[in-house]
Amino acid sequence: MAADRPGDRRKLLVRRIVESRRTGDPAVFDTGGASVEYDDRGLRLEADPDERDRLGSLLSAYHVFKIKQPETRKAADGVLYVSAVTDPKHAADFIEAVFRDVYGLGERYELRESTRGTD
């Protein structure tokens, strides 16, 4: 499934986050150039140094989200893990903001979903 309008993307994000929580399967949201994986109330994303700076600014507006590296292994260079212990609607808003503000995508970008992991 794909969505290219803000309201449709939000619905897709919320639906898949709820489903991911229910089934325990990760949800991957992809734009063809950037992706974010939601799994067990956490997000996995890749970011270059400029994107990481923009993520830092975004995190100041979304106080409940924090960068948290995995406890069992060191993250690969450029891979960030963000705790997302919040309701599906706020998680969806944050993921939308990541694509728009961190990755610099326009209002009409196309978001696609997948159930496969990215590791």
Protein backbone atom coordinates (compact mmCIF):
# COMPACT_ATOMS: atom_id res chain seq x y z
CA MET A 1 0.00 0.00 0.00
CA ALA A 2 1.19 3.54 -0.71
CA ALA A 3 0.02 7.02 0.26
CA ASP A 4 1.08 10.43 -1.03
CA ARG A 5 -1.08 12.87 0.94
CA PRO A 6 -0.42 13.83 4.58
CA GLY A 7 -3.74 12.51 5.91
CA ASP A 8 -3.44 9.25 4.00
CA ARG A 9 0.16 8.77 5.13
CA ARG A 10 -0.88 9.32 8.75
CA LYS A 11 -3.65 6.72 8.45
CA LEU A 12 -1.20 4.25 6.91
CA LEU A 13 1.36 4.89 9.66
CA VAL A 14 -1.16 4.53 12.50
CA ARG A 15 -2.69 1.37 11.01
CA ARG A 16 0.68 -0.34 10.54
CA ILE A 17 2.00 0.71 13.98
CA VAL A 18 -1.10 -0.75 15.64
CA GLU A 19 -0.74 -3.90 13.57
CA SER A 20 2.96 -4.15 14.41
CA ARG A 21 2.21 -3.92 18.12
CA ARG A 22 -0.47 -6.59 17.80
CA THR A 23 1.56 -9.08 15.75
CA GLY A 24 5.08 -8.28 16.92
CA ASP A 25 6.26 -7.94 13.30
CA PRO A 26 8.28 -4.85 12.37
CA ALA A 27 6.80 -2.30 9.99
CA VAL A 28 9.05 -0.63 7.45
CA PHE A 29 8.00 2.67 5.91
CA ASP A 30 9.85 3.51 2.71
CA THR A 31 9.95 6.44 0.30
CA GLY A 32 12.27 4.92 -2.27
CA GLY A 33 15.18 6.93 -0.88
CA ALA A 34 14.72 6.80 2.88
CA SER A 35 13.15 4.33 5.25
CA VAL A 36 12.14 4.07 8.89
CA GLU A 37 11.52 0.78 10.67
CA TYR A 38 9.10 0.62 13.60
CA ASP A 39 9.56 -2.36 15.91
CA ASP A 40 8.65 -2.89 19.54
CA ARG A 41 8.11 0.81 20.32
CA GLY A 42 11.36 1.82 18.71
CA LEU A 43 12.46 3.27 15.39
CA ARG A 44 15.48 2.41 13.28
CA LEU A 45 16.67 4.89 10.69
CA GLU A 46 19.78 5.80 8.79
CA ALA A 47 21.09 9.34 8.82
CA ASP A 48 24.12 11.20 7.54
CA PRO A 49 25.64 13.88 9.81
CA ASP A 50 23.35 16.66 8.47
CA GLU A 51 20.26 14.48 8.88
CA ARG A 52 21.38 13.56 12.39
CA ASP A 53 21.60 17.28 13.25
CA ARG A 54 18.09 17.82 11.89
CA LEU A 55 16.90 14.81 13.91
CA GLY A 56 18.37 16.41 17.01
CA SER A 57 16.34 19.55 16.35
CA LEU A 58 13.22 17.47 15.76
CA LEU A 59 13.72 15.57 19.02
CA SER A 60 13.61 18.87 20.92
CA ALA A 61 10.04 19.32 19.65
CA TYR A 62 9.04 15.71 20.40
CA HIS A 63 10.28 15.27 23.97
CA VAL A 64 9.04 11.69 24.42
CA PHE A 65 11.33 10.40 21.64
CA LYS A 66 15.00 9.78 22.50
CA ILE A 67 17.98 8.34 20.65
CA LYS A 68 18.73 5.01 22.28
CA GLN A 69 21.30 2.62 20.88
CA PRO A 70 20.66 -1.11 21.28
CA GLU A 71 22.00 -2.61 24.49
CA THR A 72 23.11 -5.86 22.89
CA ARG A 73 25.22 -4.52 20.04
CA LYS A 74 26.88 -1.43 18.62
CA ALA A 75 24.88 0.25 15.88
CA ALA A 76 26.45 0.50 12.45
CA ASP A 77 27.73 3.93 11.41
CA GLY A 78 24.84 6.14 10.37
CA VAL A 79 22.18 3.90 11.94
CA LEU A 80 20.15 5.45 14.73
CA TYR A 81 17.67 3.89 17.10
CA VAL A 82 15.00 6.11 18.62
CA SER A 83 12.75 5.04 21.48
CA ALA A 84 9.11 5.54 20.56
CA VAL A 85 7.19 4.75 23.73
CA THR A 86 4.02 6.61 22.87
CA ASP A 87 0.63 6.03 21.33
CA PRO A 88 0.37 5.16 17.61
CA LYS A 89 -0.92 8.61 16.62
CA HIS A 90 2.05 10.44 18.12
CA ALA A 91 4.46 7.87 16.70
CA ALA A 92 2.87 8.44 13.27
CA ASP A 93 3.22 12.21 13.63
CA PHE A 94 6.88 11.81 14.55
CA ILE A 95 7.62 9.46 11.64
CA GLU A 96 5.93 11.89 9.23
CA ALA A 97 8.09 14.68 10.67
CA VAL A 98 11.22 12.53 10.20
CA PHE A 99 10.47 12.11 6.51
CA ARG A 100 9.60 15.79 6.03
CA ASP A 101 12.06 17.56 8.35
CA VAL A 102 15.01 15.15 8.65
CA TYR A 103 15.01 13.70 5.13
CA GLY A 104 13.71 16.91 3.51
CA LEU A 105 10.83 15.40 1.55
CA GLY A 106 8.03 17.57 0.17
CA GLU A 107 4.40 17.47 1.11
CA ARG A 108 3.47 15.04 -1.71
CA TYR A 109 6.11 12.35 -1.17
CA GLU A 110 4.94 8.77 -1.56
CA LEU A 111 5.14 6.52 1.50
CA ARG A 112 5.09 2.76 1.06
CA GLU A 113 4.89 0.06 3.70
CA SER A 114 6.57 -3.30 4.10
CA THR A 115 6.65 -5.96 6.83
CA ARG A 116 10.24 -7.06 6.27
CA GLY A 117 13.05 -6.04 8.62
CA THR A 118 15.97 -3.88 7.50
CA ASP A 119 18.78 -5.47 9.57
